């Protein structure tokens, strides 16, 4: 191209070049720093921009591409670093949040332990009061046993004499029996209170076990949270160290990038100045070539120019070879940059994979913490409810103890009165023996009266028969007398009675009849009196036996209740021993 341009110039001018051209050529060939801009002779138009100059000089400024690659790499590193910093910031926030939740969990755990200790103290107080109630109940059971023995003795005395005290004759016994029933009713109420207290005690024990289990779970969760927080702290520290190293590397790359950019700008400025200088020289050469003042030394100048062009072509070959080497170097650096970018992307994906489980773990920790808070709130509410119930049961227990004491005092007074009633019963037993003897005498008299009544009835029947016969005889005699008087009194062969004798016989018959009727009435009155006395005696015996059966049934019921209460007390004591041992 240079040779063709010189031939066209020589043909168009037909004259020699000026010395100014020779001096410019020599100046051009003598400056090795201006070899690359000599390629601008190939075009007749000026270079439009720096980018065109870079492309025109055959990638002579190829280090800028390396700077661009390094800049892209640094921008990628900067983006990864910013993402890591944001993730680290979020992790730090989550860590602070979990530390705060851990502190709250520890404070809640301490409060739950304090509430548990208070519940244990209340439980001990209830245990001591239960022991007191058990002692009082044991005393009541012993008193009931003694009363049972006394009732058995009374039953034996009743069975030996087959008679019991008349209730209507002993109103004090009625009163004492009513008091004894009231004492039994109070014993039943105390038994019910003990049953309720046992149920409350079981419920409190279950709630205590639940609270202990929740406290253990909270402690384990707190330990796990501490361990997880420690692991997160280590990971965050490692990420902080990585970020520091990335920041240092980024700063270093940015410094190198700034230096390379300065070098690039300086090189572009030198290229622009060289371009302007060469364009000015080309314009001067064109004017000289077109002017008529060219001399005979044009051929020499053309030879010099051709020589300069040859030298420039050789230098251009060298530059192209150097550019090829530099291109290979840039290509290798680009491959290395790609590999490094792939490594950074792989590292970024691995970091994301590591961050995802951390996020999931954080979410799980959040859920566990919220569940722990809910459990702590439930435990706190349960503790408050238990405390209120324990206070209420404490008041009820105090009232029950006072009522039990009062019942025990009344029972002691009842026992003393029972002894008095026993003495009165002994006295009544003697009276009953006397009454029994009287009843036996009345029975014998009744049997005698029955025999007399039977004999009297027999005699009465005989007298009645005699009276009937006498009436029949009197009637027959009257009929005969009338018949004899009306018919043939003088011819009659039958016996005739005088009127006085007949009246005497009639009077005797009437007297016999009246005596028999009186005897019958007297005997019937005696029988009715004996029957009424027997009925009264039997009614009294039935009432006495009924009252005895009622007292015996009430005594048996009280004994059964006392035995049941004793069994429940033993069960409570065994449960208390188990709780103490645990």
Protein backbone atom coordinates (compact mmCIF):
# COMPACT_ATOMS: atom_id res chain seq x y z
CA UNK A 1 0.00 0.00 0.00
CA UNK A 2 2.78 2.38 0.82
CA UNK A 3 4.53 1.63 -2.49
CA UNK A 4 1.35 2.28 -4.49
CA UNK A 5 0.74 5.59 -2.72
CA UNK A 6 4.29 6.73 -3.50
CA UNK A 7 4.02 5.80 -7.20
CA UNK A 8 0.75 7.71 -7.57
CA UNK A 9 2.27 10.73 -5.95
CA UNK A 10 5.32 10.56 -8.24
CA UNK A 11 3.21 10.27 -11.39
CA UNK A 12 0.94 13.11 -10.47
CA UNK A 13 3.61 15.60 -9.56
CA UNK A 14 6.41 14.95 -12.09
CA UNK A 15 8.83 17.02 -9.99
CA UNK A 16 11.24 16.38 -7.15
CA UNK A 17 10.12 16.61 -3.52
CA UNK A 18 11.19 19.40 -1.25
CA UNK A 19 13.78 19.06 1.44
CA UNK A 20 11.00 19.50 3.92
CA UNK A 21 9.59 16.15 2.91
CA UNK A 22 12.98 14.49 3.25
CA UNK A 23 13.46 15.94 6.63
CA UNK A 24 9.97 14.77 7.60
CA UNK A 25 10.72 11.30 6.33
CA UNK A 26 13.92 11.10 8.21
CA UNK A 27 12.20 12.35 11.28
CA UNK A 28 9.61 9.71 10.84
CA UNK A 29 12.06 6.87 10.36
CA UNK A 30 14.35 8.00 13.12
CA UNK A 31 11.72 7.93 15.92
CA UNK A 32 11.01 4.39 17.05
CA UNK A 33 8.23 5.53 19.44
CA UNK A 34 6.13 6.63 16.43
CA UNK A 35 6.14 3.33 14.54
CA UNK A 36 2.56 2.32 15.29
CA UNK A 37 1.00 5.63 14.14
CA UNK A 38 2.76 5.22 10.71
CA UNK A 39 -0.06 2.80 9.79
CA UNK A 40 -2.39 5.79 9.40
CA UNK A 41 -0.85 6.33 5.88
CA UNK A 42 -3.17 3.59 4.62
CA UNK A 43 -6.25 5.86 4.75
CA UNK A 44 -6.88 9.30 3.43
CA UNK A 45 -9.51 10.31 6.07
CA UNK A 46 -8.74 11.27 9.66
CA UNK A 47 -9.47 8.82 12.48
CA UNK A 48 -12.91 9.52 13.92
CA UNK A 49 -12.48 8.35 17.53
CA UNK A 50 -10.24 6.65 20.03
CA UNK A 51 -12.11 3.34 19.49
CA UNK A 52 -11.39 3.58 15.74
CA UNK A 53 -7.75 4.29 16.51
CA UNK A 54 -7.58 1.22 18.74
CA UNK A 55 -9.15 -0.99 16.07
CA UNK A 56 -6.92 0.61 13.36
CA UNK A 57 -3.69 -0.09 15.20
CA UNK A 58 -4.40 -3.82 15.31
CA UNK A 59 -5.35 -4.15 18.95
CA UNK A 60 -2.14 -2.40 19.89
CA UNK A 61 -3.91 -1.32 23.05
CA UNK A 62 -4.96 -4.86 23.95
CA UNK A 63 -4.07 -4.43 27.68
CA UNK A 64 -7.26 -2.34 27.95
CA UNK A 65 -9.25 -5.49 27.17
CA UNK A 66 -7.52 -7.14 30.06
CA UNK A 67 -8.49 -4.19 32.20
CA UNK A 68 -12.09 -4.55 31.07
CA UNK A 69 -12.03 -8.23 31.95
CA UNK A 70 -10.52 -7.43 35.29
CA UNK A 71 -13.16 -4.73 35.77
CA UNK A 72 -15.95 -7.22 34.99
CA UNK A 73 -14.37 -9.68 37.37
CA UNK A 74 -14.09 -7.04 40.07
CA UNK A 75 -17.75 -6.04 39.51
CA UNK A 76 -18.75 -9.70 39.87
CA UNK A 77 -16.67 -9.97 43.05
CA UNK A 78 -18.23 -6.76 44.32
CA UNK A 79 -21.77 -8.10 43.69
CA UNK A 80 -20.98 -11.38 45.47
CA UNK A 81 -19.40 -9.45 48.31
CA UNK A 82 -22.49 -7.22 48.68
CA UNK A 83 -24.74 -10.26 48.68
CA UNK A 84 -22.58 -11.94 51.32
CA UNK A 85 -22.61 -8.75 53.39
CA UNK A 86 -26.42 -8.57 53.21
CA UNK A 87 -26.72 -12.24 54.21
CA UNK A 88 -24.26 -11.67 57.04
CA UNK A 89 -26.25 -8.66 58.19
CA UNK A 90 -29.46 -10.73 58.24
CA UNK A 91 -27.71 -13.54 60.09
CA UNK A 92 -26.41 -11.09 62.68
CA UNK A 93 -29.91 -9.70 63.16
CA UNK A 94 -31.32 -13.22 63.56
CA UNK A 95 -28.54 -14.08 65.98
CA UNK A 96 -29.30 -11.03 68.13
CA UNK A 97 -32.97 -11.92 68.03
CA UNK A 98 -32.27 -15.48 69.14
CA UNK A 99 -29.97 -14.28 71.89
CA UNK A 100 -32.80 -12.10 73.16
CA UNK A 101 -35.22 -15.02 72.92
CA UNK A 102 -32.73 -17.21 74.76
CA UNK A 103 -32.50 -14.63 77.57
CA UNK A 104 -36.29 -14.50 77.77
CA UNK A 105 -36.45 -18.30 77.84
CA UNK A 106 -33.90 -18.41 80.67
CA UNK A 107 -35.81 -15.78 82.66
CA UNK A 108 -39.07 -17.66 82.08
CA UNK A 109 -37.39 -20.88 83.13
CA UNK A 110 -36.17 -19.23 86.33
CA UNK A 111 -39.69 -17.97 87.06
CA UNK A 112 -41.11 -21.45 86.41
CA UNK A 113 -38.54 -22.96 88.79
CA UNK A 114 -39.47 -20.42 91.46
CA UNK A 115 -43.16 -21.21 90.99
CA UNK A 116 -42.35 -24.90 91.17
CA UNK A 117 -40.49 -24.38 94.43
CA UNK A 118 -43.48 -22.51 95.87
CA UNK A 119 -45.76 -25.34 94.75
CA UNK A 120 -43.44 -27.84 96.49
CA UNK A 121 -43.64 -25.82 99.72
CA UNK A 122 -47.42 -25.74 99.49
CA UNK A 123 -47.40 -29.47 98.83
CA UNK A 124 -45.32 -30.05 101.96
CA UNK A 125 -47.76 -27.98 103.99
CA UNK A 126 -50.66 -30.01 102.60
CA UNK A 127 -48.76 -33.18 103.43
CA UNK A 128 -48.26 -32.13 107.04
CA UNK A 129 -51.94 -31.21 107.32
CA UNK A 130 -52.91 -34.54 105.82
CA UNK A 131 -50.79 -36.27 108.43
CA UNK A 132 -52.57 -34.28 111.15
CA UNK A 133 -55.94 -35.25 109.68
CA UNK A 134 -54.80 -38.87 109.50
CA UNK A 135 -53.87 -38.82 113.21
CA UNK A 136 -57.22 -37.28 114.10
CA UNK A 137 -58.99 -39.80 111.92
CA UNK A 138 -57.08 -42.62 113.59
CA UNK A 139 -58.24 -41.37 116.97
CA UNK A 140 -61.84 -41.27 115.66
CA UNK A 141 -61.46 -44.79 114.34
CA UNK A 142 -60.22 -46.00 117.71
CA UNK A 143 -63.14 -44.28 119.42
CA UNK A 144 -65.50 -45.90 116.92
CA UNK A 145 -63.93 -49.29 117.64
CA UNK A 146 -64.50 -48.79 121.36
CA UNK A 147 -68.11 -47.79 120.67
CA UNK A 148 -68.45 -50.85 118.47
CA UNK A 149 -67.22 -53.07 121.30
CA UNK A 150 -69.65 -51.43 123.68
CA UNK A 151 -72.53 -51.94 121.26
CA UNK A 152 -71.55 -55.58 120.92
CA UNK A 153 -71.64 -55.93 124.71
CA UNK A 154 -75.09 -54.36 124.73
CA UNK A 155 -76.18 -56.72 121.98
CA UNK A 156 -74.91 -59.68 123.97
CA UNK A 157 -76.77 -58.51 127.06
CA UNK A 158 -79.89 -58.07 124.90
CA UNK A 159 -79.59 -61.53 123.41
CA UNK A 160 -79.05 -63.10 126.84
CA UNK A 161 -82.17 -61.47 128.29
CA UNK A 162 -84.26 -61.27 125.07
CA UNK A 163 -85.40 -57.81 126.09
CA UNK A 164 -84.25 -54.22 125.52
CA UNK A 165 -84.86 -50.81 126.95
CA UNK A 166 -88.10 -49.14 126.13
CA UNK A 167 -87.24 -46.09 124.01
CA UNK A 168 -90.19 -44.10 125.20
CA UNK A 169 -89.05 -44.63 128.79
CA UNK A 170 -85.42 -43.35 127.94
CA UNK A 171 -85.52 -39.97 126.08
CA UNK A 172 -81.81 -39.39 126.88
CA UNK A 173 -80.95 -42.44 124.82
CA UNK A 174 -82.90 -40.97 121.91
CA UNK A 175 -80.92 -37.73 122.16
CA UNK A 176 -77.61 -39.56 122.36
CA UNK A 177 -78.55 -41.67 119.39
CA UNK A 178 -79.35 -38.53 117.37
CA UNK A 179 -76.00 -37.04 118.37
CA UNK A 180 -74.30 -40.25 117.36
CA UNK A 181 -76.00 -40.07 113.95
CA UNK A 182 -74.88 -36.44 113.61
CA UNK A 183 -71.32 -37.51 114.43
CA UNK A 184 -71.56 -40.20 111.75
CA UNK A 185 -72.83 -37.62 109.26
CA UNK A 186 -69.89 -35.36 110.09
CA UNK A 187 -67.56 -38.30 109.68
CA UNK A 188 -69.05 -38.92 106.22
CA UNK A 189 -68.55 -35.26 105.30
CA UNK A 190 -64.93 -35.42 106.49
CA UNK A 191 -64.49 -38.55 104.39
CA UNK A 192 -65.85 -36.71 101.34
CA UNK A 193 -63.52 -33.79 102.01
CA UNK A 194 -60.60 -36.20 102.27
CA UNK A 195 -61.64 -37.77 98.95
CA UNK A 196 -61.81 -34.34 97.33
CA UNK A 197 -58.46 -33.44 98.84
CA UNK A 198 -57.00 -36.67 97.50
CA UNK A 199 -58.28 -35.88 94.02
CA UNK A 200 -56.87 -32.36 94.22
CA UNK A 201 -53.61 -33.77 95.50
CA UNK A 202 -53.44 -36.20 92.56
CA UNK A 203 -54.22 -33.39 90.12
CA UNK A 204 -51.56 -31.19 91.73
CA UNK A 205 -49.05 -34.04 91.52
CA UNK A 206 -49.80 -34.57 87.82
CA UNK A 207 -49.51 -30.86 87.14
CA UNK A 208 -46.26 -30.78 89.08
CA UNK A 209 -44.87 -33.61 86.96
CA UNK A 210 -46.04 -31.78 83.82
CA UNK A 211 -44.35 -28.57 84.98
CA UNK A 212 -41.13 -30.46 85.73
CA UNK A 213 -41.21 -32.09 82.31
CA UNK A 214 -41.83 -28.72 80.65
CA UNK A 215 -38.95 -27.21 82.62
CA UNK A 216 -36.68 -30.04 81.45
CA UNK A 217 -37.85 -29.56 77.87
CA UNK A 218 -37.23 -25.81 78.16
CA UNK A 219 -33.76 -26.46 79.55
CA UNK A 220 -32.94 -28.86 76.72
CA UNK A 221 -34.32 -26.40 74.16
CA UNK A 222 -32.22 -23.64 75.72
CA UNK A 223 -29.11 -25.83 75.49
CA UNK A 224 -29.86 -26.63 71.86
CA UNK A 225 -30.44 -22.95 71.14
CA UNK A 226 -27.12 -22.11 72.79
CA UNK A 227 -25.33 -24.73 70.72
CA UNK A 228 -27.01 -23.54 67.54
CA UNK A 229 -26.21 -19.93 68.41
CA UNK A 230 -22.56 -20.92 68.98
CA UNK A 231 -22.46 -22.68 65.61
CA UNK A 232 -24.04 -19.67 63.94
CA UNK A 233 -21.52 -17.38 65.65
CA UNK A 234 -18.63 -19.48 64.34
CA UNK A 235 -20.12 -19.50 60.84
CA UNK A 236 -20.68 -15.74 61.00
CA UNK A 237 -17.10 -15.21 62.18
CA UNK A 238 -15.85 -17.32 59.26
CA UNK A 239 -18.02 -15.34 56.87
CA UNK A 240 -16.73 -12.09 58.37
CA UNK A 241 -13.16 -13.25 57.79
CA UNK A 242 -14.05 -14.24 54.24
CA UNK A 243 -15.66 -10.88 53.65
CA UNK A 244 -12.61 -9.08 55.02
CA UNK A 245 -10.37 -11.00 52.66
CA UNK A 246 -12.78 -10.28 49.78
CA UNK A 247 -12.75 -6.58 50.68
CA UNK A 248 -8.94 -6.54 50.71
CA UNK A 249 -8.79 -8.34 47.36
CA UNK A 250 -11.41 -5.95 45.93
CA UNK A 251 -9.45 -2.94 47.14
CA UNK A 252 -6.29 -4.30 45.60
CA UNK A 253 -8.05 -5.02 42.31
CA UNK A 254 -9.56 -1.54 42.31
CA UNK A 255 -6.11 0.02 42.85
CA UNK A 256 -4.66 -2.00 40.02
CA UNK A 257 -7.64 -1.11 37.85
CA UNK A 258 -7.18 2.61 38.55
CA UNK A 259 -3.48 2.38 37.68
CA UNK A 260 -4.23 0.53 34.45
CA UNK A 261 -6.90 3.06 33.56
CA UNK A 262 -4.40 5.89 34.07
CA UNK A 263 -1.88 4.09 31.87
CA UNK A 264 -4.58 3.50 29.29
CA UNK A 265 -5.61 7.17 29.24
CA UNK A 266 -1.96 8.24 28.92
CA UNK A 267 -1.48 5.84 26.05
CA UNK A 268 -4.65 7.05 24.35
CA UNK A 269 -3.46 10.65 24.71
CA UNK A 270 -0.07 9.78 23.21
CA UNK A 271 -1.79 7.95 20.35
CA UNK A 272 -4.07 10.94 19.70
CA UNK A 273 -1.11 13.31 19.68
CA UNK A 274 0.82 11.02 17.31
CA UNK A 275 -2.25 10.77 15.10
CA UNK A 276 -2.65 14.53 14.94
CA UNK A 277 1.07 14.92 14.15
CA UNK A 278 0.92 12.31 11.37
CA UNK A 279 -2.21 13.86 9.90
CA UNK A 280 -0.48 17.23 9.84
CA UNK A 281 2.56 15.69 8.12
CA UNK A 282 0.30 13.91 5.60
CA UNK A 283 -1.40 17.18 4.78
CA UNK A 284 1.99 18.87 4.27
CA UNK A 285 3.20 16.02 2.05
CA UNK A 286 0.05 16.22 -0.05
CA UNK A 287 0.51 19.96 -0.53
CA UNK A 288 4.14 19.51 -1.44
CA UNK A 289 3.29 16.71 -3.85
CA UNK A 290 0.66 18.84 -5.58
CA UNK A 291 2.81 22.01 -5.77
CA UNK A 292 4.94 22.99 -8.88
CA UNK A 293 8.01 23.66 -6.83
CA UNK A 294 9.06 20.03 -6.54
CA UNK A 295 12.70 19.56 -7.75
CA UNK A 296 14.81 16.80 -9.18
CA UNK A 297 15.47 15.27 -5.84
CA UNK A 298 11.97 13.71 -5.78
CA UNK A 299 13.24 10.29 -6.65
CA UNK A 300 15.65 10.39 -3.76
CA UNK A 301 12.85 11.44 -1.46
CA UNK A 302 10.67 8.67 -2.88
CA UNK A 303 13.40 6.15 -2.27
CA UNK A 304 13.84 7.45 1.21
CA UNK A 305 10.07 7.25 1.69
CA UNK A 306 9.98 3.72 0.27
CA UNK A 307 12.82 2.76 2.60
CA UNK A 308 10.94 4.31 5.47
CA UNK A 309 7.81 2.45 4.41
CA UNK A 310 9.75 -0.82 4.25
CA UNK A 311 11.16 -0.20 7.69
CA UNK A 312 7.69 0.64 8.97
CA UNK A 313 6.33 -2.56 7.38
CA UNK A 314 8.99 -4.61 9.11
CA UNK A 315 8.25 -2.86 12.36
CA UNK A 316 4.57 -3.45 11.70
CA UNK A 317 5.25 -7.15 11.26
CA UNK A 318 7.12 -7.13 14.54
CA UNK A 319 4.25 -5.28 16.16
CA UNK A 320 1.75 -7.75 14.72
CA UNK A 321 3.79 -10.66 16.04
CA UNK A 322 3.95 -8.95 19.39
CA UNK A 323 0.20 -8.35 19.17
CA UNK A 324 -0.35 -12.04 18.41
CA UNK A 325 1.70 -12.99 21.43
CA UNK A 326 -0.17 -10.46 23.49
CA UNK A 327 -3.46 -11.76 22.08
CA UNK A 328 -2.51 -15.26 23.13
CA UNK A 329 -1.60 -13.95 26.56
CA UNK A 330 -4.90 -12.09 26.77
CA UNK A 331 -6.76 -15.21 25.61
CA UNK A 332 -5.07 -17.30 28.30
CA UNK A 333 -5.81 -14.61 30.87
CA UNK A 334 -9.40 -14.55 29.64
CA UNK A 335 -9.65 -18.32 30.09
CA UNK A 336 -8.18 -17.98 33.56
CA UNK A 337 -10.69 -15.21 34.28
CA UNK A 338 -13.50 -17.45 33.05
CA UNK A 339 -12.28 -20.26 35.26
CA UNK A 340 -12.01 -17.88 38.17
CA UNK A 341 -15.50 -16.61 37.42
CA UNK A 342 -16.79 -20.17 37.36
CA UNK A 343 -15.04 -20.83 40.65
CA UNK A 344 -16.60 -17.68 42.10
CA UNK A 345 -20.00 -18.77 40.82
CA UNK A 346 -19.49 -22.25 42.27
CA UNK A 347 -18.41 -20.71 45.57
CA UNK A 348 -21.43 -18.44 45.46
CA UNK A 349 -23.75 -21.41 44.83
CA UNK A 350 -22.08 -23.35 47.65
CA UNK A 351 -22.48 -20.36 49.95
CA UNK A 352 -26.13 -20.14 48.95
CA UNK A 353 -26.53 -23.85 49.61
CA UNK A 354 -24.94 -23.33 53.01
CA UNK A 355 -27.09 -20.28 53.68
CA UNK A 356 -30.35 -22.08 52.77
CA UNK A 357 -29.98 -24.70 55.55
CA UNK A 358 -29.04 -21.88 57.88
CA UNK A 359 -32.22 -20.07 56.93
CA UNK A 360 -34.25 -23.24 57.45
CA UNK A 361 -32.51 -23.77 60.75
CA UNK A 362 -33.30 -20.20 61.72
CA UNK A 363 -36.93 -20.72 60.80
CA UNK A 364 -36.99 -23.90 62.89
CA UNK A 365 -35.38 -22.02 65.74
CA UNK A 366 -38.02 -19.32 65.41
CA UNK A 367 -40.77 -21.92 65.51
CA UNK A 368 -39.17 -23.70 68.44
CA UNK A 369 -38.77 -20.40 70.26
CA UNK A 370 -42.40 -19.46 69.64
CA UNK A 371 -43.50 -22.93 70.79
CA UNK A 372 -41.29 -22.55 73.83
CA UNK A 373 -42.85 -19.18 74.59
CA UNK A 374 -46.33 -20.66 74.27
CA UNK A 375 -45.36 -23.53 76.56
CA UNK A 376 -43.87 -21.08 79.05
CA UNK A 377 -47.04 -18.99 78.97
CA UNK A 378 -49.13 -22.12 79.48
CA UNK A 379 -46.83 -23.23 82.31
CA UNK A 380 -47.12 -19.79 83.91
CA UNK A 381 -50.90 -19.83 83.62
CA UNK A 382 -50.97 -23.38 84.96
CA UNK A 383 -48.76 -22.37 87.86
CA UNK A 384 -51.03 -19.44 88.70
CA UNK A 385 -54.08 -21.69 88.51
CA UNK A 386 -52.38 -24.28 90.70
CA UNK A 387 -51.38 -21.60 93.19
CA UNK A 388 -54.95 -20.30 93.36
CA UNK A 389 -56.32 -23.82 93.77
CA UNK A 390 -53.72 -24.62 96.40
CA UNK A 391 -54.65 -21.48 98.33
CA UNK A 392 -58.30 -22.40 98.08
CA UNK A 393 -57.62 -25.98 99.16
CA UNK A 394 -55.47 -24.65 101.97
CA UNK A 395 -58.37 -22.60 103.29
CA UNK A 396 -60.72 -25.54 102.89
CA UNK A 397 -58.23 -27.78 104.64
CA UNK A 398 -57.93 -25.36 107.54
CA UNK A 399 -61.72 -25.23 107.81
CA UNK A 400 -61.86 -29.03 107.61
CA UNK A 401 -59.22 -29.32 110.35
CA UNK A 402 -61.18 -26.95 112.56
CA UNK A 403 -64.39 -28.85 111.84
CA UNK A 404 -62.58 -32.12 112.49
CA UNK A 405 -61.34 -30.80 115.82
CA UNK A 406 -64.83 -29.70 116.72
CA UNK A 407 -66.19 -33.09 115.66
CA UNK A 408 -63.57 -34.85 117.75
CA UNK A 409 -64.52 -32.80 120.81
CA UNK A 410 -68.18 -33.55 120.23
CA UNK A 411 -67.31 -37.19 119.78
CA UNK A 412 -65.47 -37.24 123.10
CA UNK A 413 -68.46 -35.68 124.82
CA UNK A 414 -70.65 -38.19 122.99
CA UNK A 415 -68.45 -41.00 124.25
CA UNK A 416 -68.78 -39.79 127.84
CA UNK A 417 -72.52 -39.53 127.40
CA UNK A 418 -72.50 -42.97 125.82
CA UNK A 419 -70.97 -44.33 129.00
CA UNK A 420 -73.76 -42.68 130.96
CA UNK A 421 -76.29 -44.16 128.58
CA UNK A 422 -74.61 -47.53 129.02
CA UNK A 423 -75.10 -47.27 132.79
CA UNK A 424 -78.69 -46.27 132.24
CA UNK A 425 -79.04 -49.15 129.81
CA UNK A 426 -77.77 -51.52 132.48
CA UNK A 427 -80.36 -50.13 134.85
CA UNK A 428 -82.99 -50.43 132.16
CA UNK A 429 -81.86 -54.00 131.56
CA UNK A 430 -82.62 -54.87 135.15
CA UNK A 431 -85.96 -53.18 134.82
CA UNK A 432 -86.51 -55.16 131.65
CA UNK A 433 -85.73 -58.36 133.53
CA UNK A 434 -88.37 -57.44 136.12
CA UNK A 435 -90.78 -56.61 133.31
CA UNK A 436 -89.96 -59.93 131.71
CA UNK A 437 -90.79 -61.72 134.95
CA UNK A 438 -94.05 -59.81 135.16
CA UNK A 439 -94.78 -60.70 131.58
CA UNK A 440 -94.11 -64.37 132.39
CA UNK A 441 -96.47 -64.14 135.36
CA UNK A 442 -99.05 -62.45 133.16
CA UNK A 443 -98.59 -65.20 130.61
CA UNK A 444 -99.17 -67.85 133.29
CA UNK A 445 -102.18 -65.96 134.58
CA UNK A 446 -103.45 -65.65 131.03
CA UNK A 447 -103.04 -69.39 130.54
CA UNK A 448 -104.89 -70.00 133.84
CA UNK A 449 -107.59 -67.57 132.76
CA UNK A 450 -107.83 -69.33 129.42
CA UNK A 451 -108.26 -72.66 131.25
CA UNK A 452 -110.85 -71.14 133.54
CA UNK A 453 -112.48 -69.52 130.55
CA UNK A 454 -112.57 -72.84 128.76
CA UNK A 455 -114.03 -74.55 131.81
CA UNK A 456 -116.51 -71.73 132.25
CA UNK A 457 -117.46 -71.98 128.63
CA UNK A 458 -118.04 -75.68 129.06
CA UNK A 459 -120.14 -75.09 132.18
CA UNK A 460 -121.93 -72.31 130.39
CA UNK A 461 -122.74 -74.61 127.53
CA UNK A 462 -124.07 -77.18 130.02
CA UNK A 463 -126.09 -74.47 131.81
CA UNK A 464 -127.41 -73.21 128.51
CA UNK A 465 -128.43 -76.71 127.58
CA UNK A 466 -130.11 -77.15 130.96
CA UNK A 467 -131.85 -73.81 130.57
CA UNK A 468 -133.02 -74.80 127.12
CA UNK A 469 -134.27 -78.10 128.47
CA UNK A 470 -135.96 -76.29 131.34
CA UNK A 471 -137.61 -73.89 128.93
CA UNK A 472 -138.73 -76.78 126.76
CA UNK A 473 -140.04 -78.60 129.81
CA UNK A 474 -141.79 -75.45 131.02
CA UNK A 475 -143.29 -74.89 127.61
CA UNK A 476 -144.37 -78.49 127.39
CA UNK A 477 -145.82 -78.35 130.89
CA UNK A 478 -147.74 -75.21 130.10
CA UNK A 479 -149.09 -76.73 126.94
CA UNK A 480 -150.11 -79.85 128.78
CA UNK A 481 -151.73 -77.88 131.55
CA UNK A 482 -153.70 -75.88 129.12
CA UNK A 483 -154.73 -78.97 127.27
CA UNK A 484 -155.76 -80.73 130.40
CA UNK A 485 -157.79 -77.78 131.60
CA UNK A 486 -159.53 -77.36 128.29
CA UNK A 487 -160.44 -81.02 127.64
CA UNK A 488 -161.02 -83.47 130.37
CA UNK A 489 -159.41 -82.41 133.50
CA UNK A 490 -161.15 -85.06 135.53
CA UNK A 491 -159.96 -87.88 133.24
CA UNK A 492 -156.42 -86.92 132.88
CA UNK A 493 -153.78 -89.41 134.07
CA UNK A 494 -150.79 -87.00 133.97
CA UNK A 495 -149.03 -85.31 136.90
CA UNK A 496 -150.32 -82.04 137.91
CA UNK A 497 -148.14 -79.46 139.66
CA UNK A 498 -149.34 -76.82 141.86
CA UNK A 499 -148.82 -73.19 140.78
CA UNK A 500 -146.40 -72.38 143.58
CA UNK A 501 -144.16 -75.30 142.66
CA UNK A 502 -144.28 -74.35 138.99
CA UNK A 503 -143.33 -70.78 139.81
CA UNK A 504 -140.50 -72.06 141.97
CA UNK A 505 -139.15 -74.22 139.17
CA UNK A 506 -139.43 -71.33 136.70
CA UNK A 507 -137.60 -68.99 139.07
CA UNK A 508 -134.76 -71.50 139.56
CA UNK A 509 -134.37 -71.93 135.83
CA UNK A 510 -134.22 -68.16 135.34
CA UNK A 511 -131.68 -67.77 138.12
CA UNK A 512 -129.52 -70.51 136.60
CA UNK A 513 -129.69 -68.78 133.27
CA UNK A 514 -128.74 -65.38 134.75
CA UNK A 515 -125.83 -66.92 136.68
CA UNK A 516 -124.55 -68.60 133.58
CA UNK A 517 -124.79 -65.35 131.60
CA UNK A 518 -122.92 -63.43 134.31
CA UNK A 519 -120.19 -66.02 134.47
CA UNK A 520 -119.82 -65.90 130.70
CA UNK A 521 -119.60 -62.09 130.70
CA UNK A 522 -117.03 -62.09 133.51
CA UNK A 523 -114.93 -64.69 131.76
CA UNK A 524 -115.09 -62.77 128.48
CA UNK A 525 -114.02 -59.55 130.21
CA UNK A 526 -111.05 -61.29 131.79
CA UNK A 527 -110.08 -62.79 128.44
CA UNK A 528 -110.29 -59.41 126.70
CA UNK A 529 -108.17 -57.76 129.44
CA UNK A 530 -105.51 -60.44 129.19
CA UNK A 531 -105.51 -60.20 125.38
CA UNK A 532 -105.09 -56.39 125.50
CA UNK A 533 -102.24 -56.68 128.00
CA UNK A 534 -100.53 -59.24 125.78
CA UNK A 535 -100.93 -56.96 122.76
CA UNK A 536 -99.44 -53.97 124.60
CA UNK A 537 -96.51 -56.06 125.79
CA UNK A 538 -95.87 -57.42 122.28
CA UNK A 539 -96.05 -53.92 120.76
CA UNK A 540 -93.52 -52.62 123.29
CA UNK A 541 -91.24 -55.58 122.56
CA UNK A 542 -91.50 -54.92 118.81
CA UNK A 543 -90.65 -51.22 119.27
CA UNK A 544 -87.67 -52.08 121.44
CA UNK A 545 -86.41 -54.64 118.93
CA UNK A 546 -86.86 -52.16 116.05
CA UNK A 547 -84.90 -49.44 117.85
CA UNK A 548 -82.19 -51.96 118.68
CA UNK A 549 -81.94 -52.95 115.01
CA UNK A 550 -81.71 -49.26 113.97
CA UNK A 551 -78.92 -48.59 116.46
CA UNK A 552 -77.11 -51.71 115.34
CA UNK A 553 -77.41 -50.74 111.64
CA UNK A 554 -76.17 -47.19 112.34
CA UNK A 555 -73.25 -48.59 114.33
CA UNK A 556 -72.33 -50.99 111.52
CA UNK A 557 -72.54 -48.18 108.97
CA UNK A 558 -70.29 -45.98 111.10
CA UNK A 559 -67.82 -48.85 111.47
CA UNK A 560 -67.80 -49.41 107.69
CA UNK A 561 -67.26 -45.71 107.03
CA UNK A 562 -64.44 -45.62 109.57
CA UNK A 563 -62.79 -48.65 107.95
CA UNK A 564 -63.15 -47.07 104.48
CA UNK A 565 -61.70 -43.80 105.76
CA UNK A 566 -58.83 -45.71 107.33
CA UNK A 567 -58.09 -47.49 104.05
CA UNK A 568 -58.17 -44.20 102.14
CA UNK A 569 -55.89 -42.62 104.74
CA UNK A 570 -53.42 -45.47 104.32
CA UNK A 571 -53.57 -45.06 100.54
CA UNK A 572 -52.91 -41.31 100.90
CA UNK A 573 -50.01 -42.00 103.24
CA UNK A 574 -48.51 -44.49 100.77
CA UNK A 575 -48.85 -41.96 97.93
CA UNK A 576 -47.24 -39.30 100.09
CA UNK A 577 -44.36 -41.65 100.85
CA UNK A 578 -43.94 -42.30 97.11
CA UNK A 579 -43.91 -38.57 96.39
CA UNK A 580 -41.38 -37.98 99.14
CA UNK A 581 -39.16 -40.74 97.82
CA UNK A 582 -39.32 -39.27 94.29
